[in-house]
Amino acid sequence: MERYARKCDATGRGMNEGYVVGDGELYFSEEQHVIDWIRSRGGTHGLSDEYILNEAHGLEEYYYTEWEEIDEDLYYDEDGNEYEL
């Protein structure tokens, strides 16, 4: 079984790379999920996806990362099931 460091809040699936919102309040596996999250907060009507991504990134609301090490005590499988030892 492959182990994953985080669980995507949009898809519910395990992930080892993706987008982190804030200090880990949310995790997204795809850029489109970040766009959807930004747009869900309102105030983006008429603005391009690229613009809102750049603005949110500039305000340090999210960042992209890869998790190279998986915590042996807490991890997820591909389907997002949590395992804690």
C-alpha atoms as a PDB file:
ATOM      1  CA  MET A   1       0.000   0.000   0.000  1.00  0.00           C
ATOM      2  CA  GLU A   2       1.323   3.401  -0.958  1.00  0.00           C
ATOM      3  CA  ARG A   3       1.332   5.941   1.870  1.00  0.00           C
ATOM      4  CA  TYR A   4       0.391   9.584   1.535  1.00  0.00           C
ATOM      5  CA  ALA A   5       1.320  12.504   3.768  1.00  0.00           C
ATOM      6  CA  ARG A   6      -1.911  14.484   3.441  1.00  0.00           C
ATOM      7  CA  LYS A   7      -5.532  14.178   2.363  1.00  0.00           C
ATOM      8  CA  CYS A   8      -7.031  16.500  -0.262  1.00  0.00           C
ATOM      9  CA  ASP A   9      -9.951  18.454   1.165  1.00  0.00           C
ATOM     10  CA  ALA A  10     -11.613  18.635  -2.259  1.00  0.00           C
ATOM     11  CA  THR A  11     -11.332  15.020  -3.402  1.00  0.00           C
ATOM     12  CA  GLY A  12     -10.789  13.162  -0.134  1.00  0.00           C
ATOM     13  CA  ARG A  13      -7.849  11.275  -1.678  1.00  0.00           C
ATOM     14  CA  GLY A  14      -4.314  10.865  -0.336  1.00  0.00           C
ATOM     15  CA  MET A  15      -1.624  13.190  -1.691  1.00  0.00           C
ATOM     16  CA  ASN A  16       2.135  13.703  -1.453  1.00  0.00           C
ATOM     17  CA  GLU A  17       2.247  17.024  -3.267  1.00  0.00           C
ATOM     18  CA  GLY A  18      -0.131  19.905  -3.611  1.00  0.00           C
ATOM     19  CA  TYR A  19      -1.344  23.178  -2.198  1.00  0.00           C
ATOM     20  CA  VAL A  20      -1.481  24.192   1.447  1.00  0.00           C
ATOM     21  CA  VAL A  21      -3.898  26.913   2.542  1.00  0.00           C
ATOM     22  CA  GLY A  22      -2.719  29.046   5.441  1.00  0.00           C
ATOM     23  CA  ASP A  23      -0.884  27.038   8.065  1.00  0.00           C
ATOM     24  CA  GLY A  24      -2.465  23.763   6.988  1.00  0.00           C
ATOM     25  CA  GLU A  25      -6.132  24.609   7.383  1.00  0.00           C
ATOM     26  CA  LEU A  26      -6.820  23.037   3.974  1.00  0.00           C
ATOM     27  CA  TYR A  27      -4.928  20.832   1.507  1.00  0.00           C
ATOM     28  CA  PHE A  28      -5.656  20.644  -2.216  1.00  0.00           C
ATOM     29  CA  SER A  29      -4.154  18.293  -4.778  1.00  0.00           C
ATOM     30  CA  GLU A  30      -4.940  20.447  -7.829  1.00  0.00           C
ATOM     31  CA  GLU A  31      -4.653  24.134  -8.682  1.00  0.00           C
ATOM     32  CA  GLN A  32      -8.324  24.198  -9.751  1.00  0.00           C
ATOM     33  CA  HIS A  33      -9.342  23.312  -6.190  1.00  0.00           C
ATOM     34  CA  VAL A  34      -7.434  26.375  -4.944  1.00  0.00           C
ATOM     35  CA  ILE A  35      -9.199  28.538  -7.528  1.00  0.00           C
ATOM     36  CA  ASP A  36     -12.590  27.156  -6.465  1.00  0.00           C
ATOM     37  CA  TRP A  37     -11.767  27.851  -2.799  1.00  0.00           C
ATOM     38  CA  ILE A  38     -10.721  31.455  -3.553  1.00  0.00           C
ATOM     39  CA  ARG A  39     -13.844  32.059  -5.633  1.00  0.00           C
ATOM     40  CA  SER A  40     -16.081  30.573  -2.928  1.00  0.00           C
ATOM     41  CA  ARG A  41     -15.063  33.440  -0.641  1.00  0.00           C
ATOM     42  CA  GLY A  42     -16.573  35.961  -3.060  1.00  0.00           C
ATOM     43  CA  GLY A  43     -15.308  39.232  -4.487  1.00  0.00           C
ATOM     44  CA  THR A  44     -13.669  37.685  -7.544  1.00  0.00           C
ATOM     45  CA  HIS A  45     -16.350  38.241 -10.185  1.00  0.00           C
ATOM     46  CA  GLY A  46     -14.762  39.276 -13.472  1.00  0.00           C
ATOM     47  CA  LEU A  47     -11.210  38.464 -12.356  1.00  0.00           C
ATOM     48  CA  SER A  48      -9.160  35.829 -14.160  1.00  0.00           C
ATOM     49  CA  ASP A  49      -8.042  32.639 -12.480  1.00  0.00           C
ATOM     50  CA  GLU A  50      -4.414  33.673 -12.968  1.00  0.00           C
ATOM     51  CA  TYR A  51      -5.026  37.025 -11.299  1.00  0.00           C
ATOM     52  CA  ILE A  52      -6.759  35.631  -8.226  1.00  0.00           C
ATOM     53  CA  LEU A  53      -4.097  32.917  -7.836  1.00  0.00           C
ATOM     54  CA  ASN A  54      -1.306  35.491  -8.041  1.00  0.00           C
ATOM     55  CA  GLU A  55      -3.032  37.787  -5.556  1.00  0.00           C
ATOM     56  CA  ALA A  56      -3.723  34.994  -3.049  1.00  0.00           C
ATOM     57  CA  HIS A  57      -0.167  33.687  -3.392  1.00  0.00           C
ATOM     58  CA  GLY A  58       1.236  37.192  -2.938  1.00  0.00           C
ATOM     59  CA  LEU A  59      -0.790  37.530   0.254  1.00  0.00           C
ATOM     60  CA  GLU A  60       0.651  34.168   1.372  1.00  0.00           C
ATOM     61  CA  GLU A  61      -2.797  32.592   1.586  1.00  0.00           C
ATOM     62  CA  TYR A  62      -1.530  29.365  -0.021  1.00  0.00           C
ATOM     63  CA  TYR A  63       1.637  27.708  -1.287  1.00  0.00           C
ATOM     64  CA  TYR A  64       2.650  24.592  -3.204  1.00  0.00           C
ATOM     65  CA  THR A  65       4.801  21.874  -1.650  1.00  0.00           C
ATOM     66  CA  GLU A  66       5.890  18.259  -1.926  1.00  0.00           C
ATOM     67  CA  TRP A  67       6.096  15.981   1.091  1.00  0.00           C
ATOM     68  CA  GLU A  68       9.122  13.762   0.651  1.00  0.00           C
ATOM     69  CA  GLU A  69       8.864  12.064   4.030  1.00  0.00           C
ATOM     70  CA  ILE A  70       5.740  10.336   5.282  1.00  0.00           C
ATOM     71  CA  ASP A  71       5.094  10.302   9.026  1.00  0.00           C
ATOM     72  CA  GLU A  72       5.220   6.685  10.141  1.00  0.00           C
ATOM     73  CA  ASP A  73       2.681   7.330  12.922  1.00  0.00           C
ATOM     74  CA  LEU A  74       0.001   9.093  10.830  1.00  0.00           C
ATOM     75  CA  TYR A  75      -0.568   8.678   7.109  1.00  0.00           C
ATOM     76  CA  TYR A  76      -3.293   8.177   4.480  1.00  0.00           C
ATOM     77  CA  ASP A  77      -3.938   5.654   1.756  1.00  0.00           C
ATOM     78  CA  GLU A  78      -4.949   6.476  -1.829  1.00  0.00           C
ATOM     79  CA  ASP A  79      -8.623   6.659  -0.861  1.00  0.00           C
ATOM     80  CA  GLY A  80      -7.932   9.091   2.000  1.00  0.00           C
ATOM     81  CA  ASN A  81      -8.356   6.602   4.824  1.00  0.00           C
ATOM     82  CA  GLU A  82      -6.312   7.682   7.838  1.00  0.00           C
ATOM     83  CA  TYR A  83      -3.928   5.308   9.610  1.00  0.00           C
ATOM     84  CA  GLU A  84      -2.540   6.132  13.008  1.00  0.00           C
ATOM     85  CA  LEU A  85      -0.097   3.862  14.821  1.00  0.00           C
END
